[in-house]
Amino acid sequence: MLLFVRALARGAFAHEVRPAYLELRQTAPETYDVLWKVPARGEDLRLALYVEMTAGTTELTAPRGEAGGGSFTERWTVRSPGGLGGRTIRMPGSTRR
């Protein structure tokens, strides 16, 4: 019985290991469709990772989100003067290894 309880406790402190996914599709010289997918558990518990676009980027559409299949997916459209080439996109809260 003690081993069973220890096994359950160990799983309770495990870190999420599924990756997040960012897709940028250029639809015009300075316009991009964004797809951001992060791991989730159920409908209301998602990994707290978000996309921070480069300075000067504006949202043309508000993010539309949906949960399902073990993930939370957001889609939106942005415009970045001069394009995104050579610029930095951050994911605050993520760690770099």
C-alpha atoms as a PDB file:
ATOM      1  CA  MET A   1       0.000   0.000   0.000  1.00  0.00           C
ATOM      2  CA  LEU A   2       2.836   2.379   0.842  1.00  0.00           C
ATOM      3  CA  LEU A   3       4.404   1.894  -2.600  1.00  0.00           C
ATOM      4  CA  PHE A   4       1.076   2.715  -4.281  1.00  0.00           C
ATOM      5  CA  VAL A   5       0.759   5.975  -2.314  1.00  0.00           C
ATOM      6  CA  ARG A   6       4.358   6.929  -3.147  1.00  0.00           C
ATOM      7  CA  ALA A   7       3.733   6.299  -6.844  1.00  0.00           C
ATOM      8  CA  LEU A   8       0.687   8.576  -6.783  1.00  0.00           C
ATOM      9  CA  ALA A   9       2.565  11.313  -4.927  1.00  0.00           C
ATOM     10  CA  ARG A  10       5.433  11.179  -7.405  1.00  0.00           C
ATOM     11  CA  GLY A  11       3.061  11.757 -10.344  1.00  0.00           C
ATOM     12  CA  ALA A  12       1.482  14.733  -8.609  1.00  0.00           C
ATOM     13  CA  PHE A  13       4.748  16.670  -8.741  1.00  0.00           C
ATOM     14  CA  ALA A  14       5.730  15.774 -12.304  1.00  0.00           C
ATOM     15  CA  HIS A  15       6.505  18.548 -14.800  1.00  0.00           C
ATOM     16  CA  GLU A  16       4.741  18.895 -18.124  1.00  0.00           C
ATOM     17  CA  VAL A  17       6.953  17.529 -20.886  1.00  0.00           C
ATOM     18  CA  ARG A  18       4.734  17.940 -23.945  1.00  0.00           C
ATOM     19  CA  PRO A  19       5.985  20.740 -26.217  1.00  0.00           C
ATOM     20  CA  ALA A  20       4.165  23.904 -27.188  1.00  0.00           C
ATOM     21  CA  TYR A  21       3.842  24.661 -30.911  1.00  0.00           C
ATOM     22  CA  LEU A  22       4.081  28.010 -32.712  1.00  0.00           C
ATOM     23  CA  GLU A  23       3.292  28.324 -36.408  1.00  0.00           C
ATOM     24  CA  LEU A  24       3.591  31.565 -38.389  1.00  0.00           C
ATOM     25  CA  ARG A  25       2.245  31.681 -41.949  1.00  0.00           C
ATOM     26  CA  GLN A  26       3.018  34.765 -43.977  1.00  0.00           C
ATOM     27  CA  THR A  27      -0.122  35.813 -45.876  1.00  0.00           C
ATOM     28  CA  ALA A  28       1.140  39.191 -47.169  1.00  0.00           C
ATOM     29  CA  PRO A  29       4.495  41.054 -47.010  1.00  0.00           C
ATOM     30  CA  GLU A  30       3.899  42.218 -43.397  1.00  0.00           C
ATOM     31  CA  THR A  31       0.950  40.032 -42.331  1.00  0.00           C
ATOM     32  CA  TYR A  32       1.039  36.644 -40.584  1.00  0.00           C
ATOM     33  CA  ASP A  33      -1.474  34.078 -39.367  1.00  0.00           C
ATOM     34  CA  VAL A  34      -0.441  32.785 -35.942  1.00  0.00           C
ATOM     35  CA  LEU A  35      -1.224  29.336 -34.522  1.00  0.00           C
ATOM     36  CA  TRP A  36      -0.230  28.783 -30.874  1.00  0.00           C
ATOM     37  CA  LYS A  37      -0.874  25.390 -29.307  1.00  0.00           C
ATOM     38  CA  VAL A  38      -0.026  24.520 -25.682  1.00  0.00           C
ATOM     39  CA  PRO A  39      -0.619  21.377 -23.608  1.00  0.00           C
ATOM     40  CA  ALA A  40      -3.791  21.315 -21.506  1.00  0.00           C
ATOM     41  CA  ARG A  41      -5.531  19.064 -19.039  1.00  0.00           C
ATOM     42  CA  GLY A  42      -9.252  19.187 -19.627  1.00  0.00           C
ATOM     43  CA  GLU A  43     -11.144  22.269 -20.747  1.00  0.00           C
ATOM     44  CA  ASP A  44      -9.914  24.729 -18.111  1.00  0.00           C
ATOM     45  CA  LEU A  45      -6.324  23.881 -17.205  1.00  0.00           C
ATOM     46  CA  ARG A  46      -3.685  24.869 -19.751  1.00  0.00           C
ATOM     47  CA  LEU A  47       0.045  25.384 -19.547  1.00  0.00           C
ATOM     48  CA  ALA A  48       0.753  29.067 -18.768  1.00  0.00           C
ATOM     49  CA  LEU A  49       2.848  29.883 -21.837  1.00  0.00           C
ATOM     50  CA  TYR A  50       2.021  32.826 -24.067  1.00  0.00           C
ATOM     51  CA  VAL A  51       3.483  34.378 -27.212  1.00  0.00           C
ATOM     52  CA  GLU A  52       5.023  37.858 -27.040  1.00  0.00           C
ATOM     53  CA  MET A  53       5.490  39.194 -30.555  1.00  0.00           C
ATOM     54  CA  THR A  54       8.298  41.562 -31.497  1.00  0.00           C
ATOM     55  CA  ALA A  55       7.915  45.300 -30.731  1.00  0.00           C
ATOM     56  CA  GLY A  56       5.770  47.150 -33.248  1.00  0.00           C
ATOM     57  CA  THR A  57       3.632  44.119 -34.107  1.00  0.00           C
ATOM     58  CA  THR A  58      -0.118  44.747 -33.990  1.00  0.00           C
ATOM     59  CA  GLU A  59      -2.976  42.268 -33.798  1.00  0.00           C
ATOM     60  CA  LEU A  60      -5.324  42.493 -36.764  1.00  0.00           C
ATOM     61  CA  THR A  61      -7.717  39.957 -35.235  1.00  0.00           C
ATOM     62  CA  ALA A  62      -8.233  39.002 -31.605  1.00  0.00           C
ATOM     63  CA  PRO A  63      -6.972  35.547 -30.561  1.00  0.00           C
ATOM     64  CA  ARG A  64      -9.635  32.840 -30.899  1.00  0.00           C
ATOM     65  CA  GLY A  65      -9.086  29.921 -28.546  1.00  0.00           C
ATOM     66  CA  GLU A  66     -10.429  26.413 -28.195  1.00  0.00           C
ATOM     67  CA  ALA A  67      -9.613  23.463 -25.952  1.00  0.00           C
ATOM     68  CA  GLY A  68      -9.656  19.816 -26.956  1.00  0.00           C
ATOM     69  CA  GLY A  69      -7.526  16.751 -27.520  1.00  0.00           C
ATOM     70  CA  GLY A  70      -5.188  17.527 -24.622  1.00  0.00           C
ATOM     71  CA  SER A  71      -4.255  21.001 -25.873  1.00  0.00           C
ATOM     72  CA  PHE A  72      -5.400  24.614 -26.024  1.00  0.00           C
ATOM     73  CA  THR A  73      -5.159  26.249 -29.454  1.00  0.00           C
ATOM     74  CA  GLU A  74      -5.245  29.952 -30.303  1.00  0.00           C
ATOM     75  CA  ARG A  75      -5.320  31.547 -33.767  1.00  0.00           C
ATOM     76  CA  TRP A  76      -4.993  35.195 -34.729  1.00  0.00           C
ATOM     77  CA  THR A  77      -3.546  37.495 -37.387  1.00  0.00           C
ATOM     78  CA  VAL A  78      -0.783  40.074 -36.857  1.00  0.00           C
ATOM     79  CA  ARG A  79       1.000  42.761 -38.862  1.00  0.00           C
ATOM     80  CA  SER A  80       4.675  43.530 -38.340  1.00  0.00           C
ATOM     81  CA  PRO A  81       6.165  46.497 -40.237  1.00  0.00           C
ATOM     82  CA  GLY A  82       9.158  45.228 -42.200  1.00  0.00           C
ATOM     83  CA  GLY A  83       8.227  41.580 -41.551  1.00  0.00           C
ATOM     84  CA  LEU A  84       9.396  39.193 -38.837  1.00  0.00           C
ATOM     85  CA  GLY A  85      12.685  38.094 -40.399  1.00  0.00           C
ATOM     86  CA  GLY A  86      15.571  38.462 -37.951  1.00  0.00           C
ATOM     87  CA  ARG A  87      13.315  39.549 -35.083  1.00  0.00           C
ATOM     88  CA  THR A  88      12.745  37.918 -31.699  1.00  0.00           C
ATOM     89  CA  ILE A  89       9.489  36.304 -30.596  1.00  0.00           C
ATOM     90  CA  ARG A  90       9.396  35.460 -26.880  1.00  0.00           C
ATOM     91  CA  MET A  91       7.454  32.993 -24.771  1.00  0.00           C
ATOM     92  CA  PRO A  92       7.550  34.512 -21.264  1.00  0.00           C
ATOM     93  CA  GLY A  93       7.500  31.844 -18.572  1.00  0.00           C
ATOM     94  CA  SER A  94       9.332  29.260 -20.661  1.00  0.00           C
ATOM     95  CA  THR A  95      12.850  28.189 -19.806  1.00  0.00           C
ATOM     96  CA  ARG A  96      15.753  27.940 -22.165  1.00  0.00           C
ATOM     97  CA  ARG A  97      18.023  24.925 -21.888  1.00  0.00           C
END
